[in-house]
Protein backbone atom coordinates (compact mmCIF):
# COMPACT_ATOMS: atom_id res chain seq x y z
CA UNK A 1 133.67 150.87 82.49
CA UNK A 2 135.08 147.10 82.99
CA UNK A 3 137.47 146.72 85.49
CA UNK A 4 139.64 143.23 85.35
CA UNK A 5 142.61 142.05 87.69
CA UNK A 6 145.79 141.45 86.42
CA UNK A 7 149.31 140.42 87.70
CA UNK A 8 152.30 140.82 85.65
CA UNK A 9 155.55 138.67 86.95
CA UNK A 10 158.91 139.73 85.00
CA UNK A 11 162.54 139.73 86.52
CA UNK A 12 162.71 143.25 84.24
CA UNK A 13 160.63 146.36 85.30
CA UNK A 14 161.46 147.40 81.52
CA UNK A 15 159.56 144.77 80.47
CA UNK A 16 156.60 145.10 83.10
CA UNK A 17 156.33 148.73 81.27
CA UNK A 18 156.05 147.90 77.95
CA UNK A 19 154.01 144.67 78.13
CA UNK A 20 151.43 146.38 80.42
CA UNK A 21 151.34 149.32 77.86
CA UNK A 22 151.07 147.32 75.05
CA UNK A 23 148.28 145.76 76.31
CA UNK A 24 146.35 148.61 77.87
CA UNK A 25 146.51 150.06 74.78
CA UNK A 26 143.92 147.61 73.26
CA UNK A 27 142.29 146.75 76.52
CA UNK A 28 140.81 150.48 75.91
CA UNK A 29 139.09 149.73 73.13
CA UNK A 30 136.81 147.50 74.67
CA UNK A 31 136.15 149.45 77.51
CA UNK A 32 137.65 147.78 79.76
CA UNK A 33 140.82 148.72 82.46
CA UNK A 34 143.22 146.31 83.71
CA UNK A 35 143.93 147.08 87.23
CA UNK A 36 147.87 145.60 87.28
CA UNK A 37 149.83 144.24 90.23
CA UNK A 38 153.66 144.04 89.01
CA UNK A 39 155.96 141.70 90.73
CA UNK A 40 159.47 140.86 89.69
CA UNK A 41 160.07 137.64 91.74
CA UNK A 42 158.57 134.48 91.49
CA UNK A 43 158.34 133.35 94.95
CA UNK A 44 155.82 137.08 95.00
CA UNK A 45 154.36 136.67 92.25
CA UNK A 46 153.12 132.54 93.79
CA UNK A 47 152.44 134.27 96.94
CA UNK A 48 150.07 137.38 94.99
CA UNK A 49 148.23 134.20 93.04
CA UNK A 50 147.47 132.18 96.27
CA UNK A 51 146.15 135.25 98.36
CA UNK A 52 144.12 136.80 95.66
CA UNK A 53 140.37 137.45 96.19
CA UNK A 54 138.73 136.43 93.85
CA UNK A 55 141.29 135.03 91.52
CA UNK A 56 143.11 137.65 88.52
CA UNK A 57 141.10 137.74 85.78
CA UNK A 58 144.70 137.79 83.61
CA UNK A 59 148.05 136.63 84.98
CA UNK A 60 151.32 137.47 82.68
CA UNK A 61 154.04 135.69 83.53
CA UNK A 62 158.06 135.07 82.38
CA UNK A 63 159.04 131.75 81.83
CA UNK A 64 163.00 132.31 82.91
CA UNK A 65 164.16 133.82 85.85
CA UNK A 66 167.97 133.65 86.98
CA UNK A 67 168.67 131.22 90.45
CA UNK A 68 169.16 133.23 93.54
CA UNK A 69 172.46 131.36 94.43
CA UNK A 70 173.77 131.18 90.99
CA UNK A 71 172.66 134.66 89.05
CA UNK A 72 174.52 133.46 85.93
CA UNK A 73 172.13 130.01 85.69
CA UNK A 74 168.34 130.57 84.53
CA UNK A 75 165.58 128.45 86.07
CA UNK A 76 162.08 128.17 84.58
CA UNK A 77 160.09 129.33 87.29
CA UNK A 78 157.26 130.76 85.37
CA UNK A 79 156.02 127.10 85.06
CA UNK A 80 155.43 126.79 88.89
CA UNK A 81 153.63 130.55 88.58
CA UNK A 82 151.21 128.75 85.50
CA UNK A 83 150.14 125.61 87.79
CA UNK A 84 149.60 127.74 90.56
CA UNK A 85 147.33 130.14 88.79
CA UNK A 86 146.01 127.17 86.87
CA UNK A 87 144.89 125.77 90.50
CA UNK A 88 143.55 128.73 91.97
CA UNK A 89 141.14 129.55 89.17
CA UNK A 90 140.27 127.76 85.79
CA UNK A 91 138.87 130.99 84.70
CA UNK A 92 142.19 133.22 84.72
CA UNK A 93 143.64 133.40 81.33
CA UNK A 94 147.69 132.96 81.49
CA UNK A 95 150.04 134.28 79.11
CA UNK A 96 153.64 133.06 79.09
CA UNK A 97 156.74 134.45 77.38
CA UNK A 98 159.87 134.47 77.03
CA UNK A 99 162.90 134.62 75.17
CA UNK A 100 163.92 130.76 75.26
CA UNK A 101 166.44 129.00 76.03
CA UNK A 102 168.43 126.63 73.73
CA UNK A 103 169.41 124.17 76.39
CA UNK A 104 165.36 123.78 76.70
CA UNK A 105 164.01 123.04 73.48
CA UNK A 106 160.56 122.03 75.05
CA UNK A 107 160.11 124.91 77.56
CA UNK A 108 157.05 126.54 75.05
CA UNK A 109 155.63 122.90 75.27
CA UNK A 110 155.93 122.35 79.37
CA UNK A 111 154.47 125.68 79.89
CA UNK A 112 151.41 124.95 77.77
CA UNK A 113 151.29 121.19 79.60
CA UNK A 114 151.56 123.46 82.65
CA UNK A 115 148.23 125.41 81.49
CA UNK A 116 149.47 128.80 79.70
CA UNK A 117 146.44 129.40 76.94
CA UNK A 118 148.55 131.39 74.71
CA UNK A 119 152.75 131.10 74.93
CA UNK A 120 154.88 132.89 72.63
CA UNK A 121 158.94 134.54 72.13
CA UNK A 122 159.49 137.57 73.68
CA UNK A 123 160.37 139.20 69.30
CA UNK A 124 156.90 137.84 68.37
CA UNK A 125 154.71 140.62 70.57
CA UNK A 126 154.28 143.28 67.72
CA UNK A 127 151.48 144.71 66.16
CA UNK A 128 153.01 143.23 62.76
CA UNK A 129 152.43 139.56 64.77
CA UNK A 130 149.11 137.43 63.22
CA UNK A 131 148.71 135.59 66.48
CA UNK A 132 151.05 136.87 69.07
CA UNK A 133 150.21 140.84 68.91
CA UNK A 134 148.63 143.05 71.81
CA UNK A 135 145.43 143.23 69.61
CA UNK A 136 145.02 139.42 68.80
CA UNK A 137 146.17 138.50 72.83
CA UNK A 138 143.16 141.19 73.91
CA UNK A 139 140.80 139.24 72.11
CA UNK A 140 141.58 135.90 73.14
CA UNK A 141 141.61 137.35 77.13
CA UNK A 142 138.36 138.67 76.55
CA UNK A 143 136.74 135.85 74.81
CA UNK A 144 138.13 134.30 77.68
CA UNK A 145 136.72 135.69 80.62
CA UNK A 146 132.98 136.73 78.51
CA UNK A 147 132.52 132.89 77.22
CA UNK A 148 133.49 131.36 81.31
CA UNK A 149 131.46 133.99 82.60
CA UNK A 150 133.56 135.97 84.62
CA UNK A 151 133.10 139.59 83.79
CA UNK A 152 129.55 141.18 81.83
CA UNK A 153 129.01 143.36 79.63
CA UNK A 154 125.55 144.55 80.20
CA UNK A 155 124.40 145.36 84.03
CA UNK A 156 122.12 142.95 85.30
CA UNK A 157 119.00 144.86 87.82
CA UNK A 158 116.82 141.93 89.11
CA UNK A 159 114.45 142.73 91.97
CA UNK A 160 116.58 140.98 95.10
CA UNK A 161 113.12 139.90 97.20
CA UNK A 162 112.16 137.65 94.19
CA UNK A 163 113.20 134.38 95.27
CA UNK A 164 112.72 133.00 92.35
CA UNK A 165 114.69 135.39 90.14
CA UNK A 166 117.69 135.15 92.64
CA UNK A 167 117.20 131.10 92.28
CA UNK A 168 118.23 131.84 88.48
CA UNK A 169 120.70 133.98 89.34
CA UNK A 170 122.50 131.86 92.17
CA UNK A 171 122.37 129.03 89.71
CA UNK A 172 123.71 130.65 85.84
CA UNK A 173 125.10 133.77 88.20
CA UNK A 174 124.91 137.22 86.19
CA UNK A 175 127.77 137.40 84.56
CA UNK A 176 126.69 134.08 82.70
CA UNK A 177 123.26 135.41 82.20
CA UNK A 178 124.49 139.00 80.77
CA UNK A 179 126.66 137.42 78.52
CA UNK A 180 124.71 135.05 77.10
CA UNK A 181 121.86 137.55 76.52
CA UNK A 182 124.35 140.11 75.15
CA UNK A 183 125.05 137.56 72.50
CA UNK A 184 121.33 137.66 71.78
CA UNK A 185 121.29 140.84 71.65
CA UNK A 186 124.38 140.92 69.17
CA UNK A 187 122.83 138.36 67.05
CA UNK A 188 119.91 141.00 66.23
CA UNK A 189 122.38 144.07 65.87
CA UNK A 190 121.55 145.65 69.00
CA UNK A 191 123.13 146.59 72.41
CA UNK A 192 121.87 147.49 75.57
CA UNK A 193 123.03 149.08 78.58
CA UNK A 194 120.90 147.04 81.74
CA UNK A 195 119.07 143.95 81.63
CA UNK A 196 115.74 144.00 83.67
CA UNK A 197 115.37 140.32 84.44
CA UNK A 198 111.73 138.33 85.78
CA UNK A 199 110.82 134.91 86.46
CA UNK A 200 108.36 133.30 83.65
CA UNK A 201 107.84 130.34 83.78
CA UNK A 202 109.95 126.60 85.46
CA UNK A 203 111.92 125.50 82.06
CA UNK A 204 111.86 121.28 81.64
CA UNK A 205 115.18 119.45 82.30
CA UNK A 206 116.88 121.88 84.02
CA UNK A 207 116.52 124.61 81.50
CA UNK A 208 116.16 127.90 83.23
CA UNK A 209 113.07 130.23 81.61
CA UNK A 210 112.65 134.03 82.14
CA UNK A 211 111.76 137.20 81.20
CA UNK A 212 114.55 140.11 80.18
CA UNK A 213 114.25 143.61 79.16
CA UNK A 214 116.60 145.55 77.65
CA UNK A 215 117.20 149.56 77.95
CA UNK A 216 119.86 151.60 76.00
CA UNK A 217 119.38 155.37 76.89
CA UNK A 218 116.99 156.78 73.63
CA UNK A 219 116.05 153.23 72.34
CA UNK A 220 112.77 151.77 72.87
CA UNK A 221 112.79 148.81 75.38
CA UNK A 222 113.00 145.34 74.28
CA UNK A 223 111.86 142.40 75.41
CA UNK A 224 112.73 138.87 75.05
CA UNK A 225 112.13 135.01 76.40
CA UNK A 226 115.49 133.76 77.39
CA UNK A 227 115.66 130.56 77.78
CA UNK A 228 119.22 129.21 79.31
CA UNK A 229 120.65 125.51 79.91
CA UNK A 230 123.79 123.37 79.86
CA UNK A 231 122.30 120.93 77.48
CA UNK A 232 123.40 122.26 74.19
CA UNK A 233 122.06 119.85 71.86
CA UNK A 234 118.36 120.21 73.56
CA UNK A 235 118.12 123.96 72.91
CA UNK A 236 119.41 122.56 69.22
CA UNK A 237 116.49 120.24 69.02
CA UNK A 238 114.33 122.78 70.17
CA UNK A 239 115.43 125.21 68.15
CA UNK A 240 114.87 123.31 65.20
CA UNK A 241 111.34 122.51 66.27
CA UNK A 242 110.49 126.05 66.40
CA UNK A 243 111.32 126.53 62.91
CA UNK A 244 109.21 123.64 62.08
CA UNK A 245 106.57 124.48 64.13
CA UNK A 246 106.70 127.65 62.06
CA UNK A 247 105.85 126.33 58.22
CA UNK A 248 102.82 125.35 60.09
CA UNK A 249 101.16 127.54 63.29
CA UNK A 250 100.02 131.47 62.45
CA UNK A 251 102.85 133.74 62.34
CA UNK A 252 101.05 135.52 65.18
CA UNK A 253 100.62 132.91 67.07
CA UNK A 254 104.07 131.97 67.91
CA UNK A 255 107.15 133.32 69.06
CA UNK A 256 110.06 132.60 66.57
CA UNK A 257 113.56 132.67 68.38
CA UNK A 258 116.45 134.82 67.19
CA UNK A 259 119.25 133.88 66.59
CA UNK A 260 117.61 130.73 64.95
CA UNK A 261 120.37 128.71 66.93
CA UNK A 262 121.72 129.16 70.11
CA UNK A 263 124.17 131.11 71.76
CA UNK A 264 127.20 130.06 73.98
CA UNK A 265 128.77 128.56 75.38
CA UNK A 266 129.56 130.94 78.37
CA UNK A 267 130.58 129.26 81.48
CA UNK A 268 129.21 126.20 80.47
CA UNK A 269 125.41 127.33 79.28
CA UNK A 270 123.91 128.47 76.32
CA UNK A 271 120.73 130.00 75.38
CA UNK A 272 117.80 130.52 73.21
CA UNK A 273 115.79 134.07 72.40
CA UNK A 274 113.12 134.99 71.27
CA UNK A 275 111.75 138.38 71.20
CA UNK A 276 108.47 139.18 74.06
CA UNK A 277 105.87 141.53 73.11
CA UNK A 278 105.35 144.26 75.84
CA UNK A 279 103.53 143.38 78.80
CA UNK A 280 103.59 139.76 78.54
CA UNK A 281 102.71 136.64 81.53
CA UNK A 282 102.11 133.41 81.48
CA UNK A 283 98.07 131.76 81.33
CA UNK A 284 98.64 130.61 84.34
CA UNK A 285 99.47 133.47 85.90
CA UNK A 286 96.50 135.35 84.19
CA UNK A 287 93.99 132.78 84.76
CA UNK A 288 94.93 133.49 88.69
CA UNK A 289 94.61 136.93 88.30
CA UNK A 290 91.15 136.70 87.45
CA UNK A 291 90.60 138.11 84.31
CA UNK A 292 87.15 139.55 82.64
CA UNK A 293 84.83 136.54 81.95
CA UNK A 294 84.68 137.44 78.17
CA UNK A 295 88.61 138.37 78.31
CA UNK A 296 89.24 134.28 78.86
CA UNK A 297 86.37 133.24 76.26
CA UNK A 298 88.18 135.59 73.65
CA UNK A 299 91.61 134.36 74.78
CA UNK A 300 90.17 131.25 73.93
CA UNK A 301 88.94 131.80 70.82
CA UNK A 302 92.30 133.63 69.65
CA UNK A 303 94.30 130.42 70.93
CA UNK A 304 92.32 127.52 69.33
CA UNK A 305 89.09 128.54 67.24
CA UNK A 306 91.78 131.11 65.28
CA UNK A 307 95.19 129.38 65.82
CA UNK A 308 95.37 126.07 66.72
CA UNK A 309 92.32 124.93 64.80
CA UNK A 310 93.25 125.72 61.41
CA UNK A 311 96.83 124.65 61.81
CA UNK A 312 94.84 121.00 63.24
CA UNK A 313 92.45 120.28 60.59
CA UNK A 314 94.76 121.02 57.55
CA UNK A 315 97.35 118.38 58.66
CA UNK A 316 95.21 115.89 59.27
CA UNK A 317 96.24 112.59 58.24
CA UNK A 318 95.57 108.31 58.96
CA UNK A 319 98.20 107.17 60.69
CA UNK A 320 98.80 104.04 63.10
CA UNK A 321 96.43 102.87 65.63
CA UNK A 322 96.47 105.11 68.42
CA UNK A 323 97.36 101.91 70.86
CA UNK A 324 100.86 102.05 68.63
CA UNK A 325 100.82 106.03 69.76
CA UNK A 326 100.03 105.56 73.57
CA UNK A 327 102.86 102.89 74.30
CA UNK A 328 103.96 103.67 77.96
CA UNK A 329 108.17 103.76 78.10
CA UNK A 330 109.12 101.77 81.30
CA UNK A 331 110.37 105.02 83.13
CA UNK A 332 107.02 106.39 82.93
CA UNK A 333 105.31 102.82 84.11
CA UNK A 334 107.05 102.92 87.14
CA UNK A 335 106.59 106.81 87.84
CA UNK A 336 102.82 105.98 87.91
CA UNK A 337 102.48 102.78 89.66
CA UNK A 338 105.01 104.65 92.13
CA UNK A 339 102.53 107.28 92.63
CA UNK A 340 99.65 104.88 93.06
CA UNK A 341 101.65 103.02 95.92
CA UNK A 342 102.54 106.48 96.98
CA UNK A 343 98.59 107.85 96.80
CA UNK A 344 96.48 104.78 97.57
CA UNK A 345 96.16 104.88 101.45
CA UNK A 346 94.99 108.61 100.69
CA UNK A 347 92.38 107.49 98.27
CA UNK A 348 90.44 105.20 100.54
CA UNK A 349 90.41 107.62 103.66
CA UNK A 350 86.76 109.38 104.06
CA UNK A 351 88.34 112.68 104.16
CA UNK A 352 90.90 112.07 101.43
CA UNK A 353 89.06 110.47 98.12
CA UNK A 354 86.50 108.24 99.47
CA UNK A 355 86.96 104.96 97.65
CA UNK A 356 85.47 101.72 99.27
CA UNK A 357 89.18 100.05 98.03
CA UNK A 358 91.52 101.00 94.49
CA UNK A 359 91.54 97.19 93.38
CA UNK A 360 90.22 97.82 90.22
CA UNK A 361 91.53 100.80 89.95
CA UNK A 362 95.17 99.65 90.08
CA UNK A 363 94.13 96.69 87.96
CA UNK A 364 92.68 99.12 84.57
CA UNK A 365 95.14 101.07 85.25
CA UNK A 366 98.00 98.92 84.99
CA UNK A 367 96.26 96.80 82.51
CA UNK A 368 96.09 100.77 80.08
CA UNK A 369 100.15 101.11 81.50
CA UNK A 370 101.17 98.10 80.12
CA UNK A 371 99.06 97.01 76.89
CA UNK A 372 98.16 100.51 75.70
CA UNK A 373 94.31 99.84 76.37
CA UNK A 374 90.95 99.77 78.98
CA UNK A 375 90.93 96.50 80.78
CA UNK A 376 88.25 94.14 78.61
CA UNK A 377 88.08 95.95 75.20
CA UNK A 378 89.25 93.97 72.87
CA UNK A 379 92.31 95.16 70.75
CA UNK A 380 90.79 94.25 67.62
CA UNK A 381 88.40 97.94 68.81
CA UNK A 382 91.42 99.59 68.63
CA UNK A 383 92.92 98.87 65.77
CA UNK A 384 91.96 100.83 63.28
CA UNK A 385 94.19 103.51 62.03
CA UNK A 386 93.75 106.96 63.93
CA UNK A 387 94.10 110.95 62.64
CA UNK A 388 97.14 112.80 63.70
CA UNK A 389 98.19 116.18 63.27
CA UNK A 390 100.80 118.58 64.10
CA UNK A 391 100.45 119.66 67.48
CA UNK A 392 102.86 121.45 69.70
CA UNK A 393 102.98 118.93 72.19
CA UNK A 394 103.57 120.54 75.08
CA UNK A 395 100.15 122.73 75.40
CA UNK A 396 100.19 123.86 78.93
CA UNK A 397 99.66 127.33 80.81
CA UNK A 398 102.92 127.79 81.29
CA UNK A 399 103.71 127.79 77.20
CA UNK A 400 101.23 129.84 76.68
CA UNK A 401 101.62 133.71 77.28
CA UNK A 402 99.29 136.50 77.21
CA UNK A 403 100.04 139.74 75.57
CA UNK A 404 98.27 142.17 78.31
CA UNK A 405 96.49 145.00 76.78
CA UNK A 406 92.73 146.39 76.07
CA UNK A 407 92.42 142.71 73.94
CA UNK A 408 94.69 140.20 75.69
CA UNK A 409 96.17 137.76 73.16
CA UNK A 410 97.91 134.53 73.60
CA UNK A 411 101.12 133.59 72.52
CA UNK A 412 103.31 130.34 71.91
CA UNK A 413 106.63 129.15 73.22
CA UNK A 414 108.53 126.18 73.94
CA UNK A 415 107.92 123.85 70.92
CA UNK A 416 110.58 121.12 71.75
CA UNK A 417 108.04 118.52 71.36
CA UNK A 418 106.26 119.98 68.20
CA UNK A 419 105.45 116.47 66.20
CA UNK A 420 102.47 114.66 64.73
CA UNK A 421 100.34 113.48 67.35
CA UNK A 422 96.82 112.34 67.68
CA UNK A 423 94.21 114.79 66.81
CA UNK A 424 93.37 115.09 70.68
CA UNK A 425 96.66 115.61 71.89
CA UNK A 426 97.23 119.19 72.38
CA UNK A 427 93.62 120.36 73.28
CA UNK A 428 93.68 117.26 76.00
CA UNK A 429 97.31 118.03 77.39
CA UNK A 430 96.11 121.72 77.81
CA UNK A 431 92.96 120.92 79.35
CA UNK A 432 94.24 118.85 81.96
CA UNK A 433 96.69 120.88 83.10
CA UNK A 434 94.20 123.59 83.38
CA UNK A 435 92.31 121.15 85.64
CA UNK A 436 95.61 120.30 87.66
CA UNK A 437 97.01 123.40 87.99
CA UNK A 438 94.06 126.51 87.79
CA UNK A 439 91.61 125.20 88.96
CA UNK A 440 91.92 126.29 92.95
CA UNK A 441 95.11 126.64 92.59
CA UNK A 442 95.61 128.55 95.94
CA UNK A 443 96.07 126.56 99.40
CA UNK A 444 92.05 124.91 97.90
CA UNK A 445 94.49 122.68 96.33
CA UNK A 446 96.42 121.33 99.28
CA UNK A 447 93.49 119.84 100.59
CA UNK A 448 91.11 116.51 100.01
CA UNK A 449 88.34 118.86 100.46
CA UNK A 450 87.63 119.57 96.70
CA UNK A 451 88.42 115.97 95.52
CA UNK A 452 84.90 114.62 94.49
CA UNK A 453 84.51 118.39 92.97
CA UNK A 454 87.93 117.99 90.85
CA UNK A 455 86.52 114.59 89.84
CA UNK A 456 83.01 115.52 88.84
CA UNK A 457 84.99 118.03 86.81
CA UNK A 458 87.32 115.77 84.60
CA UNK A 459 84.27 113.37 84.28
CA UNK A 460 82.52 116.70 82.44
CA UNK A 461 85.45 117.97 80.69
CA UNK A 462 85.66 113.81 79.48
CA UNK A 463 81.86 113.69 78.15
CA UNK A 464 82.00 118.15 77.08
CA UNK A 465 79.13 118.70 79.35
CA UNK A 466 80.91 121.36 81.61
CA UNK A 467 79.09 124.38 82.62
CA UNK A 468 79.64 126.60 84.89
CA UNK A 469 77.74 129.29 87.02
CA UNK A 470 77.90 133.09 86.46
CA UNK A 471 80.86 134.58 87.87
CA UNK A 472 82.82 131.44 88.31
CA UNK A 473 87.00 131.37 88.56
CA UNK A 474 88.76 132.25 85.31
CA UNK A 475 90.08 128.93 85.03
CA UNK A 476 86.68 127.13 85.04
CA UNK A 477 85.46 129.75 82.41
CA UNK A 478 88.47 128.02 80.03
CA UNK A 479 87.75 124.54 80.98
CA UNK A 480 84.40 125.05 80.41
CA UNK A 481 84.93 126.31 76.65
CA UNK A 482 86.73 124.22 75.45
CA UNK A 483 84.41 120.95 76.81
CA UNK A 484 81.82 122.70 75.03
CA UNK A 485 84.09 123.68 71.97
CA UNK A 486 85.65 120.40 71.56
CA UNK A 487 83.89 119.49 67.83
CA UNK A 488 84.83 122.72 66.51
CA UNK A 489 88.22 122.55 67.54
CA UNK A 490 88.67 119.10 66.84
CA UNK A 491 86.03 118.13 64.27
CA UNK A 492 87.21 114.14 65.18
CA UNK A 493 85.37 114.73 68.09
CA UNK A 494 81.94 114.54 66.27
CA UNK A 495 82.78 111.37 65.04
CA UNK A 496 81.42 108.41 66.73
CA UNK A 497 84.12 105.98 66.40
CA UNK A 498 86.62 108.53 67.43
CA UNK A 499 84.80 109.92 70.55
CA UNK A 500 86.42 106.93 72.55
CA UNK A 501 90.13 109.05 71.46
CA UNK A 502 89.26 111.97 73.30
CA UNK A 503 88.79 109.67 76.77
CA UNK A 504 92.17 107.96 76.36
CA UNK A 505 94.27 111.21 75.34
CA UNK A 506 93.10 112.62 78.76
CA UNK A 507 93.97 109.67 80.27
CA UNK A 508 96.85 109.58 79.33
CA UNK A 509 97.91 113.42 80.00
CA UNK A 510 96.04 112.55 83.83
CA UNK A 511 98.31 110.18 84.01
CA UNK A 512 101.75 111.68 83.40
CA UNK A 513 99.63 114.77 86.02
CA UNK A 514 99.93 111.86 88.66
CA UNK A 515 103.43 112.27 88.79
CA UNK A 516 104.50 115.59 88.32
CA UNK A 517 105.86 116.33 91.70
CA UNK A 518 105.50 120.11 91.49
CA UNK A 519 101.75 119.09 91.96
CA UNK A 520 99.87 119.06 94.93
CA UNK A 521 99.41 115.13 96.53
CA UNK A 522 95.49 116.21 96.56
CA UNK A 523 95.87 117.00 92.59
CA UNK A 524 98.11 113.80 91.80
CA UNK A 525 95.65 111.72 93.77
CA UNK A 526 92.65 112.70 91.74
CA UNK A 527 94.86 112.51 88.26
CA UNK A 528 94.80 108.75 89.28
CA UNK A 529 91.18 107.95 89.92
CA UNK A 530 89.94 110.33 86.78
CA UNK A 531 91.98 108.31 84.19
CA UNK A 532 90.31 106.03 85.75
CA UNK A 533 86.77 107.56 85.07
CA UNK A 534 88.12 108.22 81.43
CA UNK A 535 89.14 104.66 80.62
CA UNK A 536 85.41 103.80 81.75
CA UNK A 537 83.91 105.85 79.39
CA UNK A 538 85.98 104.18 77.15
CA UNK A 539 84.49 101.01 77.73
CA UNK A 540 80.87 102.59 77.90
CA UNK A 541 81.67 103.09 74.18
CA UNK A 542 83.32 100.34 72.91
CA UNK A 543 82.18 97.63 74.39
CA UNK A 544 78.43 96.63 74.35
């Protein structure tokens, strides 16, 4: 039973009894109960509104009251109550009713301008009225309170000790999350009594991404990825991209969004939902948990060898030169140069990057950022059309979920960046993410002691010579598989005149990684140096 609070201010107790009875009948049909407070004097009503904590969910006021000094005269004291209620909370649904007065022809318009959501004449408050019946008014109240997150129709269960989960609840609010999820379930023809919220992965541009399990007595547990954002158009774009990607990627590889458009708004938030397989976790968390080496190789085969490979190969097209695709936006250039300025002192310290100086590195990176080419490489060498194909566009360990079981299986989420990109884009993005966020992901990433090892790993990835000893951490197994199977995943990598493009794409994503504020400084620093190393590899390949 959903309980809400209501205030009714009317100088006739008979009207109070009739109105509350009629409204309660229809609230009860939705499983709601209203705890009414009733007042006959506007001053008492104002005091109740002012002191209510939390504010009332619904306020119903008569517009006209007899003057205390001249009872034969009436005045529109209800307008004051409407203004008070609106200023107290924009979530309160305000209803104004009156029989009207010929001397006040604009009374109802004034009530609306003061903030009343619904205004009607008393004789219209009947079952036969289309817009002003008790059923219509209750429906409007319910939609208002649900849409602004005041009430929730689903009980939310979350770990009170998990700071990531609690940050989501603090940011979005329990009623808002429950109502967004209710709408997603409603679109699928399902209902739930309780939703279990767990943290899944960070979202981009202010979005919140979490895992939600819906439980209803006597029914199987339903699990979803829930992505909430205040950016409706961003979610609409993501939904459209998901539909496009579904036409290219294997059905078992991509999690489809249902419903296909965002739900909302609820308190200014919108959401996308997608069915989530049982026991799913992000690839990053799965690798950090230390899976068996054979399972890591199996996941990589399913993700690339059996999944993305066919989609990439079947959609190859000759397109504009790679230099045209690598036009760095002014903001990105500034971010990289700021990162270089910030981290340069650490790069030349013996206990940091160990470089003698950063002059050459700065010069070559600036050339790449401004012109899209490694320093010294003639533009004529880079003018050949490149091969593009459909790509996920943001393939990293947070957008790959692992369905855990006897045979772990990868699935993809968040295809908002789905587009035609260079043939190496997805693999390069994925490889850089492994190096930046999964290799030495613990406290080791906060120190420079592994700087040279990370730099060497990036070089070996670029040269496709990465081999790992028995029993390494899982992220190294994945990185090694990527390096040694690149030719089979992306056949263009085996073409002598395209090998340089692999290094360029690695340099591009390494420079982006250097700008991520949530990546530890030692990793950001090595990203700058590793990007420079990849550009040097391009020079060796293209300049005799």
